[in-house]
Every structure is written in structure tokens, then in C-alpha cells.
Amino acid sequence: MNTKSKKNKRKINLLEIPENERATIIEELKQTLRKNAAERKMWNYLLQCETLTINGQLIISDEEPLIDLWHG
């Protein structure tokens, strides 16, 4: 779903940074993981639906393939 290039990844040695920065980084990681888990659950739920309608427009149906949300 979401990919990042290798140059955007930064390596951090948690043992070498101050305690307050370490706590901030760990909290950010926890939030990211929670968000990813919530998105995964939502997509799994949506994929199990027989039909999905957003603002009156049919998005997913058993009879029709997935409709492109941006180009409809």
C-alpha cells in the first residue's frame, strides 16, 4: 500500500539518544503501527462487503470489478 524509498529511511540507535527523544520516537512508532493496523482492519472489512457505496456512487459490487475512485 504505502512504500518508501530507501533514502527516506533513517537508522536510529536508541541507546545513543537522550531519554526524552527516545520516548518521542517510540511514541511516534506506536502511533504509526496503530494507524497501520486500523487501516488493515478497515480494508479487510471493506473487501468482505458485497457492495460499497460512497456518496451514492457504487464503488464495489459482486457483479462488477473494483471501480477506480479517482477516475470513476
PDB file of N, CA and C in Angstrom:
ATOM      1  N   MET A   1       0.791  -1.187   0.000  1.00  0.00           N
ATOM      2  CA  MET A   1       0.000   0.000   0.000  1.00  0.00           C
ATOM      3  C   MET A   1       0.844   1.266   0.000  1.00  0.00           C
ATOM      4  N   ASN A   2       1.673   1.359   0.988  1.00  0.00           N
ATOM      5  CA  ASN A   2       2.471   2.571   1.102  1.00  0.00           C
ATOM      6  C   ASN A   2       3.946   2.169   1.129  1.00  0.00           C
ATOM      7  N   THR A   3       4.701   2.573   0.119  1.00  0.00           N
ATOM      8  CA  THR A   3       6.114   2.226   0.080  1.00  0.00           C
ATOM      9  C   THR A   3       6.949   3.481   0.165  1.00  0.00           C
ATOM     10  N   LYS A   4       8.106   3.344   0.763  1.00  0.00           N
ATOM     11  CA  LYS A   4       9.028   4.471   0.896  1.00  0.00           C
ATOM     12  C   LYS A   4      10.349   4.086   0.252  1.00  0.00           C
ATOM     13  N   SER A   5      11.020   5.066  -0.294  1.00  0.00           N
ATOM     14  CA  SER A   5      12.320   4.789  -0.873  1.00  0.00           C
ATOM     15  C   SER A   5      13.337   4.563   0.242  1.00  0.00           C
ATOM     16  N   LYS A   6      14.415   3.889  -0.094  1.00  0.00           N
ATOM     17  CA  LYS A   6      15.427   3.573   0.913  1.00  0.00           C
ATOM     18  C   LYS A   6      16.102   4.816   1.476  1.00  0.00           C
ATOM     19  N   LYS A   7      16.219   5.879   0.677  1.00  0.00           N
ATOM     20  CA  LYS A   7      16.907   7.068   1.172  1.00  0.00           C
ATOM     21  C   LYS A   7      16.076   7.826   2.215  1.00  0.00           C
ATOM     22  N   ASN A   8      14.748   7.582   2.287  1.00  0.00           N
ATOM     23  CA  ASN A   8      13.911   8.240   3.282  1.00  0.00           C
ATOM     24  C   ASN A   8      13.981   7.550   4.635  1.00  0.00           C
ATOM     25  N   LYS A   9      14.460   6.325   4.668  1.00  0.00           N
ATOM     26  CA  LYS A   9      14.562   5.608   5.928  1.00  0.00           C
ATOM     27  C   LYS A   9      15.786   6.097   6.679  1.00  0.00           C
ATOM     28  N   ARG A  10      15.607   6.285   7.969  1.00  0.00           N
ATOM     29  CA  ARG A  10      16.739   6.698   8.771  1.00  0.00           C
ATOM     30  C   ARG A  10      16.952   5.657   9.866  1.00  0.00           C
ATOM     31  N   LYS A  11      18.182   5.351  10.117  1.00  0.00           N
ATOM     32  CA  LYS A  11      18.514   4.385  11.146  1.00  0.00           C
ATOM     33  C   LYS A  11      18.838   5.133  12.430  1.00  0.00           C
ATOM     34  N   ILE A  12      18.243   4.663  13.508  1.00  0.00           N
ATOM     35  CA  ILE A  12      18.417   5.322  14.789  1.00  0.00           C
ATOM     36  C   ILE A  12      18.907   4.289  15.796  1.00  0.00           C
ATOM     37  N   ASN A  13      19.955   4.635  16.510  1.00  0.00           N
ATOM     38  CA  ASN A  13      20.420   3.801  17.617  1.00  0.00           C
ATOM     39  C   ASN A  13      19.802   4.376  18.884  1.00  0.00           C
ATOM     40  N   LEU A  14      18.789   3.683  19.404  1.00  0.00           N
ATOM     41  CA  LEU A  14      18.062   4.196  20.563  1.00  0.00           C
ATOM     42  C   LEU A  14      18.933   4.336  21.800  1.00  0.00           C
ATOM     43  N   LEU A  15      20.027   3.606  21.856  1.00  0.00           N
ATOM     44  CA  LEU A  15      20.898   3.689  23.027  1.00  0.00           C
ATOM     45  C   LEU A  15      21.742   4.958  23.048  1.00  0.00           C
ATOM     46  N   GLU A  16      21.868   5.607  21.899  1.00  0.00           N
ATOM     47  CA  GLU A  16      22.734   6.786  21.807  1.00  0.00           C
ATOM     48  C   GLU A  16      21.987   8.113  21.895  1.00  0.00           C
ATOM     49  N   ILE A  17      20.672   8.098  21.981  1.00  0.00           N
ATOM     50  CA  ILE A  17      19.930   9.357  22.018  1.00  0.00           C
ATOM     51  C   ILE A  17      19.379   9.589  23.423  1.00  0.00           C
ATOM     52  N   PRO A  18      19.101  10.845  23.754  1.00  0.00           N
ATOM     53  CA  PRO A  18      18.582  11.180  25.085  1.00  0.00           C
ATOM     54  C   PRO A  18      17.218  10.528  25.342  1.00  0.00           C
ATOM     55  N   GLU A  19      16.918  10.353  26.608  1.00  0.00           N
ATOM     56  CA  GLU A  19      15.693   9.666  27.030  1.00  0.00           C
ATOM     57  C   GLU A  19      14.432  10.334  26.493  1.00  0.00           C
ATOM     58  N   ASN A  20      14.367  11.674  26.514  1.00  0.00           N
ATOM     59  CA  ASN A  20      13.159  12.357  26.050  1.00  0.00           C
ATOM     60  C   ASN A  20      12.948  12.170  24.543  1.00  0.00           C
ATOM     61  N   GLU A  21      14.014  12.198  23.754  1.00  0.00           N
ATOM     62  CA  GLU A  21      13.898  11.944  22.315  1.00  0.00           C
ATOM     63  C   GLU A  21      13.511  10.493  22.067  1.00  0.00           C
ATOM     64  N   ARG A  22      14.084   9.594  22.820  1.00  0.00           N
ATOM     65  CA  ARG A  22      13.776   8.175  22.687  1.00  0.00           C
ATOM     66  C   ARG A  22      12.283   7.929  22.927  1.00  0.00           C
ATOM     67  N   ALA A  23      11.751   8.554  23.976  1.00  0.00           N
ATOM     68  CA  ALA A  23      10.326   8.396  24.290  1.00  0.00           C
ATOM     69  C   ALA A  23       9.458   8.939  23.152  1.00  0.00           C
ATOM     70  N   THR A  24       9.854  10.072  22.583  1.00  0.00           N
ATOM     71  CA  THR A  24       9.101  10.660  21.469  1.00  0.00           C
ATOM     72  C   THR A  24       9.117   9.744  20.255  1.00  0.00           C
ATOM     73  N   ILE A  25      10.272   9.217  19.922  1.00  0.00           N
ATOM     74  CA  ILE A  25      10.402   8.325  18.764  1.00  0.00           C
ATOM     75  C   ILE A  25       9.579   7.059  18.961  1.00  0.00           C
ATOM     76  N   ILE A  26       9.646   6.488  20.139  1.00  0.00           N
ATOM     77  CA  ILE A  26       8.892   5.265  20.417  1.00  0.00           C
ATOM     78  C   ILE A  26       7.391   5.534  20.339  1.00  0.00           C
ATOM     79  N   GLU A  27       6.939   6.672  20.839  1.00  0.00           N
ATOM     80  CA  GLU A  27       5.520   7.019  20.774  1.00  0.00           C
ATOM     81  C   GLU A  27       5.069   7.208  19.325  1.00  0.00           C
ATOM     82  N   GLU A  28       5.906   7.853  18.493  1.00  0.00           N
ATOM     83  CA  GLU A  28       5.585   8.022  17.080  1.00  0.00           C
ATOM     84  C   GLU A  28       5.475   6.668  16.384  1.00  0.00           C
ATOM     85  N   LEU A  29       6.386   5.753  16.706  1.00  0.00           N
ATOM     86  CA  LEU A  29       6.330   4.416  16.124  1.00  0.00           C
ATOM     87  C   LEU A  29       5.060   3.678  16.535  1.00  0.00           C
ATOM     88  N   LYS A  30       4.681   3.792  17.799  1.00  0.00           N
ATOM     89  CA  LYS A  30       3.455   3.156  18.274  1.00  0.00           C
ATOM     90  C   LYS A  30       2.235   3.692  17.529  1.00  0.00           C
ATOM     91  N   GLN A  31       2.173   5.003  17.356  1.00  0.00           N
ATOM     92  CA  GLN A  31       1.047   5.610  16.646  1.00  0.00           C
ATOM     93  C   GLN A  31       0.988   5.138  15.197  1.00  0.00           C
ATOM     94  N   THR A  32       2.156   5.058  14.549  1.00  0.00           N
ATOM     95  CA  THR A  32       2.205   4.587  13.167  1.00  0.00           C
ATOM     96  C   THR A  32       1.724   3.144  13.069  1.00  0.00           C
ATOM     97  N   LEU A  33       2.170   2.305  13.984  1.00  0.00           N
ATOM     98  CA  LEU A  33       1.741   0.912  13.977  1.00  0.00           C
ATOM     99  C   LEU A  33       0.240   0.781  14.230  1.00  0.00           C
ATOM    100  N   ARG A  34      -0.293   1.572  15.148  1.00  0.00           N
ATOM    101  CA  ARG A  34      -1.741   1.560  15.404  1.00  0.00           C
ATOM    102  C   ARG A  34      -2.519   1.982  14.159  1.00  0.00           C
ATOM    103  N   LYS A  35      -2.027   3.024  13.493  1.00  0.00           N
ATOM    104  CA  LYS A  35      -2.694   3.512  12.289  1.00  0.00           C
ATOM    105  C   LYS A  35      -2.671   2.442  11.199  1.00  0.00           C
ATOM    106  N   ASN A  36      -1.517   1.802  11.008  1.00  0.00           N
ATOM    107  CA  ASN A  36      -1.407   0.751  10.002  1.00  0.00           C
ATOM    108  C   ASN A  36      -2.341  -0.407  10.314  1.00  0.00           C
ATOM    109  N   ALA A  37      -2.430  -0.789  11.576  1.00  0.00           N
ATOM    110  CA  ALA A  37      -3.310  -1.886  11.973  1.00  0.00           C
ATOM    111  C   ALA A  37      -4.771  -1.508  11.717  1.00  0.00           C
ATOM    112  N   ALA A  38      -5.147  -0.280  12.033  1.00  0.00           N
ATOM    113  CA  ALA A  38      -6.517   0.175  11.812  1.00  0.00           C
ATOM    114  C   ALA A  38      -6.845   0.193  10.320  1.00  0.00           C
ATOM    115  N   GLU A  39      -5.912   0.645   9.487  1.00  0.00           N
ATOM    116  CA  GLU A  39      -6.127   0.657   8.037  1.00  0.00           C
ATOM    117  C   GLU A  39      -6.286  -0.754   7.506  1.00  0.00           C
ATOM    118  N   ARG A  40      -5.462  -1.675   7.996  1.00  0.00           N
ATOM    119  CA  ARG A  40      -5.553  -3.069   7.566  1.00  0.00           C
ATOM    120  C   ARG A  40      -6.916  -3.662   7.910  1.00  0.00           C
ATOM    121  N   LYS A  41      -7.379  -3.395   9.126  1.00  0.00           N
ATOM    122  CA  LYS A  41      -8.694  -3.893   9.542  1.00  0.00           C
ATOM    123  C   LYS A  41      -9.795  -3.307   8.670  1.00  0.00           C
ATOM    124  N   MET A  42      -9.708  -2.008   8.364  1.00  0.00           N
ATOM    125  CA  MET A  42     -10.719  -1.363   7.538  1.00  0.00           C
ATOM    126  C   MET A  42     -10.755  -1.975   6.140  1.00  0.00           C
ATOM    127  N   TRP A  43      -9.574  -2.156   5.514  1.00  0.00           N
ATOM    128  CA  TRP A  43      -9.526  -2.729   4.172  1.00  0.00           C
ATOM    129  C   TRP A  43     -10.044  -4.159   4.158  1.00  0.00           C
ATOM    130  N   ASN A  44      -9.699  -4.946   5.183  1.00  0.00           N
ATOM    131  CA  ASN A  44     -10.217  -6.315   5.257  1.00  0.00           C
ATOM    132  C   ASN A  44     -11.736  -6.312   5.350  1.00  0.00           C
ATOM    133  N   TYR A  45     -12.282  -5.411   6.150  1.00  0.00           N
ATOM    134  CA  TYR A  45     -13.730  -5.307   6.278  1.00  0.00           C
ATOM    135  C   TYR A  45     -14.358  -4.895   4.945  1.00  0.00           C
ATOM    136  N   LEU A  46     -13.791  -3.884   4.296  1.00  0.00           N
ATOM    137  CA  LEU A  46     -14.357  -3.404   3.035  1.00  0.00           C
ATOM    138  C   LEU A  46     -14.303  -4.476   1.950  1.00  0.00           C
ATOM    139  N   LEU A  47     -13.238  -5.274   1.939  1.00  0.00           N
ATOM    140  CA  LEU A  47     -13.122  -6.315   0.921  1.00  0.00           C
ATOM    141  C   LEU A  47     -14.124  -7.444   1.139  1.00  0.00           C
ATOM    142  N   GLN A  48     -14.650  -7.582   2.340  1.00  0.00           N
ATOM    143  CA  GLN A  48     -15.642  -8.607   2.618  1.00  0.00           C
ATOM    144  C   GLN A  48     -17.062  -8.142   2.303  1.00  0.00           C
ATOM    145  N   CYS A  49     -17.253  -6.858   2.046  1.00  0.00           N
ATOM    146  CA  CYS A  49     -18.584  -6.322   1.747  1.00  0.00           C
ATOM    147  C   CYS A  49     -19.031  -6.756   0.363  1.00  0.00           C
ATOM    148  N   GLU A  50     -20.336  -7.021   0.238  1.00  0.00           N
ATOM    149  CA  GLU A  50     -20.884  -7.369  -1.069  1.00  0.00           C
ATOM    150  C   GLU A  50     -20.983  -6.146  -1.966  1.00  0.00           C
ATOM    151  N   THR A  51     -21.415  -5.047  -1.396  1.00  0.00           N
ATOM    152  CA  THR A  51     -21.465  -3.788  -2.140  1.00  0.00           C
ATOM    153  C   THR A  51     -20.978  -2.664  -1.231  1.00  0.00           C
ATOM    154  N   LEU A  52     -20.385  -1.670  -1.850  1.00  0.00           N
ATOM    155  CA  LEU A  52     -19.915  -0.495  -1.117  1.00  0.00           C
ATOM    156  C   LEU A  52     -20.316   0.740  -1.906  1.00  0.00           C
ATOM    157  N   THR A  53     -21.030   1.636  -1.247  1.00  0.00           N
ATOM    158  CA  THR A  53     -21.481   2.866  -1.881  1.00  0.00           C
ATOM    159  C   THR A  53     -20.949   4.052  -1.084  1.00  0.00           C
ATOM    160  N   ILE A  54     -20.345   4.999  -1.777  1.00  0.00           N
ATOM    161  CA  ILE A  54     -19.850   6.222  -1.153  1.00  0.00           C
ATOM    162  C   ILE A  54     -20.517   7.399  -1.841  1.00  0.00           C
ATOM    163  N   ASN A  55     -21.196   8.233  -1.057  1.00  0.00           N
ATOM    164  CA  ASN A  55     -21.918   9.401  -1.591  1.00  0.00           C
ATOM    165  C   ASN A  55     -22.841   9.023  -2.741  1.00  0.00           C
ATOM    166  N   GLY A  56     -23.509   7.889  -2.597  1.00  0.00           N
ATOM    167  CA  GLY A  56     -24.462   7.449  -3.609  1.00  0.00           C
ATOM    168  C   GLY A  56     -23.839   6.797  -4.842  1.00  0.00           C
ATOM    169  N   GLN A  57     -22.522   6.712  -4.896  1.00  0.00           N
ATOM    170  CA  GLN A  57     -21.849   6.111  -6.055  1.00  0.00           C
ATOM    171  C   GLN A  57     -21.389   4.710  -5.680  1.00  0.00           C
ATOM    172  N   LEU A  58     -21.761   3.720  -6.498  1.00  0.00           N
ATOM    173  CA  LEU A  58     -21.377   2.340  -6.264  1.00  0.00           C
ATOM    174  C   LEU A  58     -19.878   2.182  -6.506  1.00  0.00           C
ATOM    175  N   ILE A  59     -19.157   1.705  -5.509  1.00  0.00           N
ATOM    176  CA  ILE A  59     -17.710   1.555  -5.595  1.00  0.00           C
ATOM    177  C   ILE A  59     -17.343   0.089  -5.808  1.00  0.00           C
ATOM    178  N   ILE A  60     -17.903  -0.801  -4.979  1.00  0.00           N
ATOM    179  CA  ILE A  60     -17.617  -2.229  -5.075  1.00  0.00           C
ATOM    180  C   ILE A  60     -18.930  -2.987  -5.156  1.00  0.00           C
ATOM    181  N   SER A  61     -18.972  -3.949  -6.060  1.00  0.00           N
ATOM    182  CA  SER A  61     -20.134  -4.803  -6.187  1.00  0.00           C
ATOM    183  C   SER A  61     -19.656  -6.201  -6.563  1.00  0.00           C
ATOM    184  N   ASP A  62     -20.415  -7.224  -6.148  1.00  0.00           N
ATOM    185  CA  ASP A  62     -20.055  -8.598  -6.510  1.00  0.00           C
ATOM    186  C   ASP A  62     -20.071  -8.800  -8.020  1.00  0.00           C
ATOM    187  N   GLU A  63     -20.985  -8.111  -8.706  1.00  0.00           N
ATOM    188  CA  GLU A  63     -21.139  -8.296 -10.147  1.00  0.00           C
ATOM    189  C   GLU A  63     -20.146  -7.494 -10.982  1.00  0.00           C
ATOM    190  N   GLU A  64     -19.607  -6.414 -10.418  1.00  0.00           N
ATOM    191  CA  GLU A  64     -18.720  -5.534 -11.181  1.00  0.00           C
ATOM    192  C   GLU A  64     -17.342  -5.484 -10.542  1.00  0.00           C
ATOM    193  N   PRO A  65     -16.292  -5.275 -11.327  1.00  0.00           N
ATOM    194  CA  PRO A  65     -14.943  -5.146 -10.748  1.00  0.00           C
ATOM    195  C   PRO A  65     -14.817  -3.852  -9.955  1.00  0.00           C
ATOM    196  N   LEU A  66     -13.744  -3.765  -9.177  1.00  0.00           N
ATOM    197  CA  LEU A  66     -13.469  -2.577  -8.376  1.00  0.00           C
ATOM    198  C   LEU A  66     -13.376  -1.352  -9.269  1.00  0.00           C
ATOM    199  N   ILE A  67     -14.088  -0.310  -8.891  1.00  0.00           N
ATOM    200  CA  ILE A  67     -14.120   0.934  -9.678  1.00  0.00           C
ATOM    201  C   ILE A  67     -13.024   1.845  -9.168  1.00  0.00           C
ATOM    202  N   ASP A  68     -12.303   2.476 -10.066  1.00  0.00           N
ATOM    203  CA  ASP A  68     -11.227   3.409  -9.707  1.00  0.00           C
ATOM    204  C   ASP A  68     -11.852   4.642  -9.042  1.00  0.00           C
ATOM    205  N   LEU A  69     -11.470   4.908  -7.796  1.00  0.00           N
ATOM    206  CA  LEU A  69     -12.074   6.011  -7.044  1.00  0.00           C
ATOM    207  C   LEU A  69     -11.724   7.387  -7.605  1.00  0.00           C
ATOM    208  N   TRP A  70     -10.593   7.528  -8.239  1.00  0.00           N
ATOM    209  CA  TRP A  70     -10.156   8.844  -8.699  1.00  0.00           C
ATOM    210  C   TRP A  70     -10.641   9.156 -10.114  1.00  0.00           C
ATOM    211  N   HIS A  71     -10.787   8.127 -10.936  1.00  0.00           N
ATOM    212  CA  HIS A  71     -11.155   8.374 -12.329  1.00  0.00           C
ATOM    213  C   HIS A  71     -12.568   7.899 -12.633  1.00  0.00           C
ATOM    214  N   GLY A  72     -13.215   7.237 -11.659  1.00  0.00           N
ATOM    215  CA  GLY A  72     -14.587   6.763 -11.715  1.00  0.00           C
ATOM    216  C   GLY A  72     -14.988   6.294 -13.039  1.00  0.00           C
TER     217      GLY A  72
END
